[in-house]
Protein backbone atom coordinates (compact mmCIF):
# COMPACT_ATOMS: atom_id res chain seq x y z
CA UNK A 1 -48.82 -10.71 31.20
CA UNK A 2 -47.20 -13.97 30.18
CA UNK A 3 -46.10 -12.98 27.70
CA UNK A 4 -44.17 -9.79 29.00
CA UNK A 5 -42.88 -11.89 31.72
CA UNK A 6 -41.98 -14.26 29.74
CA UNK A 7 -40.16 -12.28 27.32
CA UNK A 8 -38.69 -10.31 30.85
CA UNK A 9 -37.34 -13.34 31.79
CA UNK A 10 -36.06 -14.08 28.23
CA UNK A 11 -34.11 -11.38 27.05
CA UNK A 12 -31.98 -11.02 30.96
CA UNK A 13 -31.27 -14.92 29.26
CA UNK A 14 -30.26 -13.89 26.01
CA UNK A 15 -28.54 -10.72 26.46
CA UNK A 16 -26.24 -12.67 29.70
CA UNK A 17 -25.71 -15.64 27.73
CA UNK A 18 -24.20 -13.28 25.39
CA UNK A 19 -22.11 -10.78 26.82
CA UNK A 20 -20.35 -13.91 29.21
CA UNK A 21 -19.03 -15.31 25.38
CA UNK A 22 -18.38 -11.49 23.91
CA UNK A 23 -17.10 -10.81 26.88
CA UNK A 24 -12.66 -11.69 27.00
CA UNK A 25 -11.81 -9.73 30.32
CA UNK A 26 -13.28 -12.97 32.47
CA UNK A 27 -14.95 -9.92 34.79
CA UNK A 28 -18.29 -10.81 34.16
CA UNK A 29 -18.19 -14.67 34.24
CA UNK A 30 -18.11 -14.34 38.37
CA UNK A 31 -21.95 -12.89 37.60
CA UNK A 32 -23.18 -14.71 35.17
CA UNK A 33 -21.55 -18.31 34.77
CA UNK A 34 -24.73 -20.01 35.89
CA UNK A 35 -26.69 -18.59 33.17
CA UNK A 36 -24.24 -21.88 30.80
CA UNK A 37 -24.23 -24.12 33.28
CA UNK A 38 -28.08 -23.75 33.43
CA UNK A 39 -28.30 -25.02 30.19
CA UNK A 40 -29.73 -28.65 29.70
CA UNK A 41 -27.74 -30.41 27.83
CA UNK A 42 -24.21 -29.24 29.33
CA UNK A 43 -26.36 -29.94 33.06
CA UNK A 44 -26.68 -33.57 32.36
CA UNK A 45 -23.15 -34.58 30.43
CA UNK A 46 -21.92 -32.30 33.68
CA UNK A 47 -24.11 -34.42 35.48
CA UNK A 48 -25.67 -31.58 37.47
CA UNK A 49 -28.84 -33.92 39.00
CA UNK A 50 -30.06 -30.22 40.55
CA UNK A 51 -29.97 -28.28 37.16
CA UNK A 52 -31.35 -31.49 35.48
CA UNK A 53 -33.90 -32.79 38.25
CA UNK A 54 -34.72 -28.64 38.21
CA UNK A 55 -35.36 -28.21 34.49
CA UNK A 56 -38.01 -31.49 34.48
CA UNK A 57 -40.05 -30.17 37.35
CA UNK A 58 -40.08 -26.65 35.92
CA UNK A 59 -41.69 -28.09 32.63
CA UNK A 60 -44.14 -30.43 33.88
CA UNK A 61 -44.93 -27.73 36.66
CA UNK A 62 -45.21 -24.72 33.13
CA UNK A 63 -45.00 -26.49 30.20
CA UNK A 64 -42.10 -26.12 27.37
CA UNK A 65 -41.01 -22.76 29.09
CA UNK A 66 -37.43 -23.25 28.92
CA UNK A 67 -37.12 -23.47 24.28
CA UNK A 68 -39.16 -19.66 25.21
CA UNK A 69 -36.96 -18.63 28.22
CA UNK A 70 -33.69 -20.41 29.42
CA UNK A 71 -32.18 -21.61 26.27
CA UNK A 72 -30.51 -19.05 23.52
CA UNK A 73 -30.52 -20.51 20.80
CA UNK A 74 -34.86 -21.00 21.03
CA UNK A 75 -35.19 -16.54 21.28
CA UNK A 76 -32.98 -16.01 18.09
CA UNK A 77 -35.60 -17.59 16.15
CA UNK A 78 -37.67 -15.88 18.22
CA UNK A 79 -36.03 -12.07 17.18
CA UNK A 80 -35.95 -14.17 13.32
CA UNK A 81 -39.46 -14.92 13.92
CA UNK A 82 -40.48 -11.37 15.29
CA UNK A 83 -38.73 -9.64 11.74
CA UNK A 84 -40.81 -11.85 9.56
CA UNK A 85 -43.69 -11.20 11.74
CA UNK A 86 -42.99 -7.06 10.75
CA UNK A 87 -42.99 -8.60 7.29
CA UNK A 88 -46.56 -10.30 7.03
CA UNK A 89 -48.26 -10.73 10.26
CA UNK A 90 -50.59 -13.88 10.53
CA UNK A 91 -48.33 -15.64 8.69
CA UNK A 92 -48.32 -19.07 10.33
CA UNK A 93 -50.97 -21.65 10.40
CA UNK A 94 -51.45 -25.53 12.22
CA UNK A 95 -49.02 -28.30 10.65
CA UNK A 96 -49.28 -31.52 12.24
CA UNK A 97 -46.52 -33.08 13.72
CA UNK A 98 -43.49 -34.19 11.60
CA UNK A 99 -42.71 -37.00 13.58
CA UNK A 100 -40.60 -39.10 10.42
CA UNK A 101 -37.60 -36.73 11.30
CA UNK A 102 -38.23 -35.62 14.85
CA UNK A 103 -38.12 -38.62 16.53
CA UNK A 104 -35.14 -40.11 14.05
CA UNK A 105 -33.52 -37.25 14.98
CA UNK A 106 -33.81 -37.57 18.95
CA UNK A 107 -32.18 -41.38 18.32
CA UNK A 108 -29.50 -39.81 16.54
CA UNK A 109 -28.58 -37.43 18.25
CA UNK A 110 -28.84 -40.17 21.71
CA UNK A 111 -27.06 -42.93 19.81
CA UNK A 112 -23.89 -40.21 19.29
CA UNK A 113 -24.22 -38.65 22.48
CA UNK A 114 -23.04 -42.98 24.24
CA UNK A 115 -21.64 -43.83 21.11
CA UNK A 116 -19.06 -41.01 20.89
CA UNK A 117 -20.42 -39.25 18.08
CA UNK A 118 -19.27 -35.48 18.88
CA UNK A 119 -19.86 -33.84 15.46
CA UNK A 120 -23.07 -34.64 15.54
CA UNK A 121 -23.41 -33.96 19.16
CA UNK A 122 -22.39 -30.05 18.55
CA UNK A 123 -23.81 -29.96 15.52
CA UNK A 124 -27.47 -30.10 16.69
CA UNK A 125 -27.07 -29.16 20.45
CA UNK A 126 -28.91 -25.79 20.64
CA UNK A 127 -26.54 -24.41 23.02
CA UNK A 128 -23.38 -25.39 21.18
CA UNK A 129 -25.14 -23.74 18.24
CA UNK A 130 -25.55 -20.32 20.22
CA UNK A 131 -22.08 -20.36 21.05
CA UNK A 132 -20.61 -20.82 17.58
CA UNK A 133 -22.91 -17.69 16.52
CA UNK A 134 -21.25 -15.48 19.02
CA UNK A 135 -17.80 -17.04 19.40
CA UNK A 136 -17.68 -16.81 15.70
CA UNK A 137 -19.27 -14.30 14.03
CA UNK A 138 -20.10 -11.87 16.46
CA UNK A 139 -17.70 -11.43 19.19
CA UNK A 140 -14.77 -10.59 16.57
CA UNK A 141 -17.40 -7.09 15.50
CA UNK A 142 -17.76 -6.48 19.25
CA UNK A 143 -13.71 -7.05 19.78
CA UNK A 144 -13.25 -4.01 16.71
CA UNK A 145 -15.69 -1.66 18.39
CA UNK A 146 -13.09 -2.45 21.82
CA UNK A 147 -10.60 -1.91 19.50
CA UNK A 148 -11.97 1.40 18.35
CA UNK A 149 -12.69 2.70 21.51
CA UNK A 150 -9.44 1.95 22.57
CA UNK A 151 -8.14 3.93 19.94
CA UNK A 152 -10.90 6.99 21.25
CA UNK A 153 -9.49 6.69 24.83
CA UNK A 154 -5.35 6.49 23.82
CA UNK A 155 -5.81 10.48 22.11
CA UNK A 156 -7.84 11.66 25.02
CA UNK A 157 -5.49 9.18 27.77
CA UNK A 158 -7.78 7.39 29.17
CA UNK A 159 -7.03 3.42 30.38
CA UNK A 160 -10.84 2.86 30.18
CA UNK A 161 -9.91 0.14 26.95
CA UNK A 162 -7.03 -1.96 25.29
CA UNK A 163 -7.32 -3.49 22.14
CA UNK A 164 -7.26 -6.75 21.36
CA UNK A 165 -6.65 -9.68 18.58
CA UNK A 166 -9.01 -9.98 16.39
CA UNK A 167 -7.95 -13.28 14.46
CA UNK A 168 -9.50 -16.49 12.54
CA UNK A 169 -9.69 -19.15 14.68
CA UNK A 170 -10.87 -21.82 13.07
CA UNK A 171 -12.52 -21.24 9.10
CA UNK A 172 -14.38 -24.16 8.97
CA UNK A 173 -15.62 -23.77 12.19
CA UNK A 174 -16.82 -19.90 11.13
CA UNK A 175 -18.42 -21.49 8.26
CA UNK A 176 -20.09 -23.15 9.94
CA UNK A 177 -21.46 -21.16 12.13
CA UNK A 178 -21.88 -18.73 8.96
CA UNK A 179 -24.06 -21.60 7.93
CA UNK A 180 -25.40 -22.72 11.07
CA UNK A 181 -27.04 -18.82 11.20
CA UNK A 182 -28.63 -18.18 7.88
CA UNK A 183 -30.65 -22.24 8.22
CA UNK A 184 -32.16 -20.80 11.42
CA UNK A 185 -32.92 -17.14 9.96
CA UNK A 186 -34.59 -19.11 6.89
CA UNK A 187 -36.34 -21.76 9.34
CA UNK A 188 -37.36 -18.75 12.31
CA UNK A 189 -38.12 -16.25 9.52
CA UNK A 190 -40.73 -18.36 7.29
CA UNK A 191 -41.59 -21.41 10.26
CA UNK A 192 -41.03 -20.16 13.29
CA UNK A 193 -40.08 -22.61 15.29
CA UNK A 194 -39.27 -25.29 13.14
CA UNK A 195 -35.97 -26.01 14.45
CA UNK A 196 -37.08 -26.25 17.83
CA UNK A 197 -39.92 -28.56 16.79
CA UNK A 198 -38.63 -30.44 14.02
CA UNK A 199 -34.08 -31.33 14.48
CA UNK A 200 -33.92 -30.17 18.21
CA UNK A 201 -33.99 -32.75 20.50
CA UNK A 202 -33.56 -31.11 23.94
CA UNK A 203 -36.67 -29.61 22.46
CA UNK A 204 -37.76 -33.68 21.86
CA UNK A 205 -37.00 -34.38 25.10
CA UNK A 206 -38.51 -31.82 27.02
CA UNK A 207 -41.43 -32.82 24.86
CA UNK A 208 -42.16 -35.90 26.50
CA UNK A 209 -42.16 -34.21 29.89
CA UNK A 210 -44.49 -31.02 28.08
CA UNK A 211 -46.74 -33.68 27.57
CA UNK A 212 -48.04 -33.83 31.25
CA UNK A 213 -47.32 -30.34 32.64
CA UNK A 214 -49.97 -29.10 35.05
CA UNK A 215 -50.48 -25.20 33.48
CA UNK A 216 -51.09 -25.37 29.66
CA UNK A 217 -52.25 -23.67 27.13
CA UNK A 218 -57.00 -24.13 27.36
CA UNK A 219 -59.23 -23.43 24.69
CA UNK A 220 -62.74 -22.21 26.33
CA UNK A 221 -64.99 -23.64 23.04
CA UNK A 222 -67.46 -21.33 24.00
CA UNK A 223 -66.07 -18.34 23.90
CA UNK A 224 -64.08 -19.11 20.20
CA UNK A 225 -65.49 -17.13 17.19
CA UNK A 226 -62.97 -19.65 14.94
CA UNK A 227 -61.58 -16.37 13.51
CA UNK A 228 -57.85 -19.08 13.83
CA UNK A 229 -56.21 -15.36 15.09
CA UNK A 230 -54.55 -18.19 17.83
CA UNK A 231 -52.85 -20.64 14.62
CA UNK A 232 -52.10 -17.99 12.89
CA UNK A 233 -49.97 -16.53 15.68
CA UNK A 234 -48.32 -19.72 16.82
CA UNK A 235 -44.85 -19.68 16.05
CA UNK A 236 -44.44 -23.28 17.20
CA UNK A 237 -47.35 -24.50 14.59
CA UNK A 238 -49.01 -26.95 17.69
CA UNK A 239 -52.56 -24.09 17.88
CA UNK A 240 -55.20 -26.49 15.51
CA UNK A 241 -58.15 -24.38 15.85
CA UNK A 242 -60.76 -26.07 14.05
CA UNK A 243 -60.52 -28.30 16.62
CA UNK A 244 -59.32 -26.52 19.50
CA UNK A 245 -56.27 -28.46 20.12
CA UNK A 246 -53.06 -28.17 20.76
CA UNK A 247 -50.45 -30.48 20.25
CA UNK A 248 -48.64 -30.13 24.47
CA UNK A 249 -45.47 -31.22 23.13
CA UNK A 250 -44.01 -28.59 19.85
CA UNK A 251 -45.76 -25.11 22.57
CA UNK A 252 -43.29 -23.73 24.06
CA UNK A 253 -45.88 -20.77 26.09
CA UNK A 254 -44.20 -18.32 24.63
CA UNK A 255 -48.09 -15.96 25.02
CA UNK A 256 -48.30 -14.80 21.06
CA UNK A 257 -51.81 -16.84 21.44
CA UNK A 258 -53.55 -15.55 23.98
CA UNK A 259 -52.00 -12.16 23.43
CA UNK A 260 -53.95 -12.55 19.71
CA UNK A 261 -56.98 -13.78 20.93
CA UNK A 262 -59.77 -10.98 21.29
CA UNK A 263 -63.00 -13.33 22.13
CA UNK A 264 -60.89 -14.32 25.73
CA UNK A 265 -61.40 -17.60 24.69
CA UNK A 266 -57.64 -18.38 25.40
CA UNK A 267 -56.63 -19.01 28.54
CA UNK A 268 -52.44 -20.31 29.81
CA UNK A 269 -53.91 -22.59 33.14
CA UNK A 270 -54.55 -25.09 35.02
CA UNK A 271 -56.68 -29.19 36.02
CA UNK A 272 -58.81 -29.61 33.05
CA UNK A 273 -61.72 -27.86 31.43
CA UNK A 274 -65.42 -29.44 30.02
CA UNK A 275 -63.80 -26.45 26.94
CA UNK A 276 -63.21 -28.97 23.15
CA UNK A 277 -65.53 -29.15 20.76
CA UNK A 278 -65.96 -29.92 17.42
CA UNK A 279 -68.54 -27.39 16.62
CA UNK A 280 -67.23 -23.49 17.50
CA UNK A 281 -70.05 -21.42 19.60
CA UNK A 282 -71.46 -18.39 17.61
CA UNK A 283 -72.45 -17.13 20.16
CA UNK A 284 -70.92 -13.22 20.33
CA UNK A 285 -69.26 -11.84 24.23
CA UNK A 286 -71.15 -8.60 25.47
CA UNK A 287 -67.97 -6.73 26.36
CA UNK A 288 -65.22 -7.27 23.69
CA UNK A 289 -61.21 -6.01 25.14
CA UNK A 290 -58.99 -4.24 23.03
CA UNK A 291 -55.58 -5.95 23.39
CA UNK A 292 -52.98 -3.66 22.29
CA UNK A 293 -49.94 -5.20 21.55
CA UNK A 294 -46.85 -4.44 22.91
CA UNK A 295 -43.60 -5.22 20.37
CA UNK A 296 -41.54 -7.20 21.56
CA UNK A 297 -38.05 -5.68 22.60
CA UNK A 298 -34.03 -8.08 22.40
CA UNK A 299 -31.61 -5.55 23.71
CA UNK A 300 -28.56 -6.74 22.90
CA UNK A 301 -26.39 -4.61 25.70
CA UNK A 302 -22.43 -4.62 25.20
CA UNK A 303 -20.87 -3.52 28.32
CA UNK A 304 -18.13 -2.36 26.37
CA UNK A 305 -17.00 -0.29 30.26
CA UNK A 306 -15.93 -4.46 31.47
CA UNK A 307 -13.68 -3.98 29.28
CA UNK A 308 -11.48 -1.90 31.59
CA UNK A 309 -9.23 -4.89 32.61
CA UNK A 310 -5.29 -5.47 32.80
CA UNK A 311 -4.29 -5.04 29.53
CA UNK A 312 -2.57 -8.15 27.92
CA UNK A 313 -1.40 -6.43 24.38
CA UNK A 314 0.98 -8.53 22.16
CA UNK A 315 3.65 -7.33 20.45
CA UNK A 316 4.37 -8.33 16.81
CA UNK A 317 7.80 -6.94 16.88
CA UNK A 318 10.28 -6.52 17.90
CA UNK A 319 12.36 -3.62 19.84
CA UNK A 320 9.44 -1.44 17.98
CA UNK A 321 11.33 -1.98 14.96
CA UNK A 322 11.31 -5.30 12.90
CA UNK A 323 8.32 -6.59 12.08
CA UNK A 324 8.47 -10.37 13.09
CA UNK A 325 7.28 -13.40 10.84
CA UNK A 326 3.61 -15.37 11.99
CA UNK A 327 4.80 -18.98 13.38
CA UNK A 328 3.41 -21.67 11.96
CA UNK A 329 1.61 -24.35 13.84
CA UNK A 330 3.51 -27.95 13.92
CA UNK A 331 2.30 -31.20 12.93
CA UNK A 332 0.88 -32.68 16.51
CA UNK A 333 0.21 -36.14 16.20
CA UNK A 334 -1.71 -36.27 19.44
CA UNK A 335 -3.89 -32.80 19.51
CA UNK A 336 -3.51 -30.72 23.29
CA UNK A 337 -6.58 -30.75 24.89
CA UNK A 338 -6.76 -28.53 28.24
CA UNK A 339 -5.21 -28.84 31.72
CA UNK A 340 -8.65 -30.65 33.12
CA UNK A 341 -9.62 -32.17 30.40
CA UNK A 342 -8.41 -35.19 31.86
CA UNK A 343 -7.72 -37.25 28.71
CA UNK A 344 -8.74 -36.82 24.28
CA UNK A 345 -11.52 -38.88 25.49
CA UNK A 346 -13.28 -37.57 28.02
CA UNK A 347 -13.59 -33.99 25.92
CA UNK A 348 -14.42 -36.31 22.94
CA UNK A 349 -17.55 -37.76 25.45
CA UNK A 350 -18.51 -34.08 27.13
CA UNK A 351 -17.51 -31.02 25.33
CA UNK A 352 -20.48 -29.97 22.65
CA UNK A 353 -18.34 -27.42 21.96
CA UNK A 354 -20.04 -24.58 22.64
CA UNK A 355 -16.92 -22.65 22.81
CA UNK A 356 -17.29 -20.99 25.75
CA UNK A 357 -13.64 -21.52 26.74
CA UNK A 358 -12.44 -20.43 23.54
CA UNK A 359 -13.59 -16.98 24.00
CA UNK A 360 -13.06 -16.55 27.39
CA UNK A 361 -8.85 -17.72 26.87
CA UNK A 362 -7.10 -15.15 28.18
CA UNK A 363 -3.87 -15.90 26.30
CA UNK A 364 -5.34 -16.70 22.34
CA UNK A 365 -4.10 -21.06 23.22
CA UNK A 366 -7.40 -22.52 22.49
CA UNK A 367 -9.26 -22.27 18.88
CA UNK A 368 -12.07 -25.02 17.81
CA UNK A 369 -10.87 -28.31 15.67
CA UNK A 370 -9.77 -28.33 12.38
CA UNK A 371 -9.75 -31.92 12.62
CA UNK A 372 -12.79 -33.77 11.67
CA UNK A 373 -12.43 -36.27 14.04
CA UNK A 374 -12.56 -33.82 16.97
CA UNK A 375 -14.47 -31.00 14.03
CA UNK A 376 -15.24 -27.70 16.94
CA UNK A 377 -13.66 -29.74 19.92
CA UNK A 378 -10.68 -26.74 21.42
CA UNK A 379 -7.34 -27.31 21.19
CA UNK A 380 -4.40 -25.79 22.46
CA UNK A 381 -1.71 -24.16 19.87
CA UNK A 382 1.03 -22.10 21.56
CA UNK A 383 1.67 -19.61 18.38
CA UNK A 384 -0.15 -16.67 19.64
CA UNK A 385 0.50 -17.31 23.52
CA UNK A 386 1.06 -19.90 25.89
CA UNK A 387 -1.40 -21.77 28.83
CA UNK A 388 -0.19 -19.83 31.67
CA UNK A 389 0.41 -22.02 34.82
CA UNK A 390 -2.28 -19.53 36.89
CA UNK A 391 -4.52 -19.04 34.75
CA UNK A 392 -8.35 -21.29 35.18
CA UNK A 393 -10.15 -19.35 33.30
CA UNK A 394 -11.02 -22.82 30.75
CA UNK A 395 -12.22 -25.40 33.23
CA UNK A 396 -13.91 -22.04 34.96
CA UNK A 397 -17.03 -21.46 32.17
CA UNK A 398 -16.50 -24.99 30.86
CA UNK A 399 -20.35 -26.19 31.49
CA UNK A 400 -20.49 -29.69 30.67
CA UNK A 401 -17.99 -31.12 32.39
CA UNK A 402 -15.10 -31.74 29.59
CA UNK A 403 -13.26 -29.51 31.97
CA UNK A 404 -13.35 -30.33 35.01
CA UNK A 405 -12.48 -26.92 37.64
CA UNK A 406 -9.02 -26.97 39.24
CA UNK A 407 -7.21 -24.61 40.82
CA UNK A 408 -3.64 -23.26 40.06
CA UNK A 409 -1.63 -24.58 42.12
CA UNK A 410 -2.97 -28.38 41.06
CA UNK A 411 -2.92 -27.45 37.33
CA UNK A 412 0.73 -26.68 37.96
CA UNK A 413 1.34 -30.33 38.28
CA UNK A 414 -0.72 -31.82 34.84
CA UNK A 415 0.86 -32.55 32.03
CA UNK A 416 -1.19 -32.79 29.17
CA UNK A 417 2.38 -32.93 26.76
CA UNK A 418 5.87 -33.14 26.64
CA UNK A 419 7.99 -30.25 25.05
CA UNK A 420 10.42 -32.01 21.65
CA UNK A 421 13.16 -30.56 19.83
CA UNK A 422 13.75 -29.81 16.70
CA UNK A 423 17.53 -29.64 16.24
CA UNK A 424 17.59 -28.54 12.13
CA UNK A 425 15.31 -25.66 13.30
CA UNK A 426 17.64 -24.30 16.57
CA UNK A 427 18.96 -20.98 16.30
CA UNK A 428 22.34 -21.49 17.78
CA UNK A 429 22.63 -23.98 15.19
CA UNK A 430 21.16 -22.66 11.87
CA UNK A 431 22.28 -18.53 13.37
CA UNK A 432 25.20 -19.41 15.33
CA UNK A 433 23.73 -16.84 18.19
CA UNK A 434 23.54 -18.25 22.20
CA UNK A 435 19.43 -18.35 22.66
CA UNK A 436 18.45 -19.72 25.79
CA UNK A 437 14.65 -18.89 25.27
CA UNK A 438 13.26 -21.96 26.01
CA UNK A 439 15.28 -22.34 29.43
CA UNK A 440 14.81 -19.04 30.47
CA UNK A 441 10.84 -19.27 30.38
CA UNK A 442 10.06 -23.12 30.94
CA UNK A 443 7.95 -22.35 34.29
CA UNK A 444 8.71 -26.12 35.73
CA UNK A 445 12.12 -25.68 35.49
CA UNK A 446 12.55 -28.90 32.87
CA UNK A 447 14.51 -27.37 30.27
CA UNK A 448 18.49 -26.32 30.67
CA UNK A 449 21.20 -25.65 27.59
CA UNK A 450 23.67 -28.24 28.10
CA UNK A 451 26.79 -28.14 25.21
CA UNK A 452 25.56 -30.19 21.83
CA UNK A 453 29.05 -31.50 22.33
CA UNK A 454 29.98 -31.92 26.01
CA UNK A 455 33.68 -32.84 24.87
CA UNK A 456 34.07 -29.10 22.60
CA UNK A 457 34.51 -26.02 25.07
CA UNK A 458 33.53 -23.88 21.57
CA UNK A 459 30.12 -26.26 20.99
CA UNK A 460 27.24 -24.16 20.83
CA UNK A 461 23.93 -24.68 23.71
CA UNK A 462 20.91 -26.13 22.79
CA UNK A 463 17.55 -27.35 24.97
CA UNK A 464 17.50 -30.40 26.64
CA UNK A 465 13.90 -31.05 28.16
CA UNK A 466 13.60 -33.09 30.95
CA UNK A 467 9.83 -35.07 29.76
CA UNK A 468 9.15 -36.24 33.70
CA UNK A 469 9.20 -32.47 34.82
CA UNK A 470 7.65 -31.07 31.12
CA UNK A 471 3.81 -30.16 31.58
CA UNK A 472 3.01 -29.51 28.40
CA UNK A 473 2.34 -25.10 28.98
CA UNK A 474 3.97 -24.42 25.98
CA UNK A 475 6.34 -21.78 27.26
CA UNK A 476 8.84 -22.83 25.35
CA UNK A 477 7.35 -22.85 21.78
CA UNK A 478 5.64 -20.09 21.76
CA UNK A 479 9.47 -17.48 23.11
CA UNK A 480 10.97 -19.79 20.56
CA UNK A 481 12.93 -17.00 18.38
CA UNK A 482 12.33 -20.12 15.65
CA UNK A 483 10.67 -19.19 12.60
CA UNK A 484 8.60 -20.19 10.79
CA UNK A 485 8.34 -23.64 12.78
CA UNK A 486 9.81 -23.65 16.16
CA UNK A 487 12.78 -25.07 17.64
CA UNK A 488 10.94 -26.63 20.38
CA UNK A 489 6.99 -27.72 20.48
CA UNK A 490 4.63 -29.54 22.65
CA UNK A 491 3.44 -32.91 21.64
CA UNK A 492 0.12 -33.85 23.10
CA UNK A 493 -0.46 -36.84 25.76
CA UNK A 494 -3.74 -38.65 25.38
CA UNK A 495 -4.83 -39.28 29.10
CA UNK A 496 -3.44 -36.21 31.89
CA UNK A 497 -1.07 -36.95 34.53
CA UNK A 498 -0.03 -35.17 37.88
CA UNK A 499 3.92 -35.12 37.74
């Protein structure tokens, strides 16, 4: 029963979190957003004391069930381990704790967390690793499936689905996500929870509490016949059947050992029992209960019906005739971080690079940084859209407090950067035609068209920027017709401030 309950709860968490990353309509966040905010590291960074205390109490009572129920990366390892067990049964064995690697990794992680080593934190954080894989590898497949359904629906004169752009947000982060998937697959296939109990810093921190948990897997030495099935089916490699002992710092309470034991020698119970013995008993139980193993199934629902939201399909043609040349991102001296992130320093300190804000951005503005100093952290660029003042999706979904919650009124007064005009790229000067796109689309009225030479009546009109009124939303950069480089772009600010 323990195993069935654990699998049911784990399936709910895993499917919910996966859909949260796949959904591009923003509809599921209202129902499933809390799943991201109960992740251990993200709750700690967001100073969510209620969640942190609740997880600590949960571990103190039940053991490390966080790792086998709530953490999506732990469940991914269980899926890979299940395939490994299908290929070869009873494939595991007891091994001692790898302290020389486990604790130094945790120390390095904590040092990086406090000293601003964001790349180390993002590479090791379990929820961030899952988010990278879901956003970079799984979401494009989901979107392609959605686009196929949209094409079929269009033929049937239905608007239940709409097409979305599928594009590479960051090649380096894509490669990191693919390598993470391969490493996890190999480790889980061969050794089950090797990553959890050797590398994962969250698991290491929880292990200190799990040692004193109230409910634990316990041996009854009188019933044990030393068949070794418990050790051979323990993904955490923490059960030594020879000494009837369990390393509770590594046990994730998956329940596999309870199912594999045919003699009732193991139980998930509280208190202390006189059960430990070096010599296993030869007593044969009068009755032997046969337990039919239940195959584990993890449901990966796609929830394609949720894509019946308002369409924002981006047109890449001019008047339906000529193709528009793709824009090239400008070189910004200071990266643009989303409104609500307060500053580049706050983003570096709190962001775990989970990519949830990137996957949820409806305007194609956010993408993971490829810069080594800000690798995998969200940055803004306006080749595919601009940051609409009324959109607060990224601040709504951030679980770590890197982008604090704000409303549309507050967002429209936050200056994240300012527009810069590049004279040599401006259409009125290069092509001799009137433009004014930037001024017409500026939501704050920070741009107006003025004559280049105020003493010449025939002088072309060019944009003049009021930097005090500009909020850095990028509308001007996005709508600028100059290709491949815009004649106006947004330069970021290290520290945001209200205007």
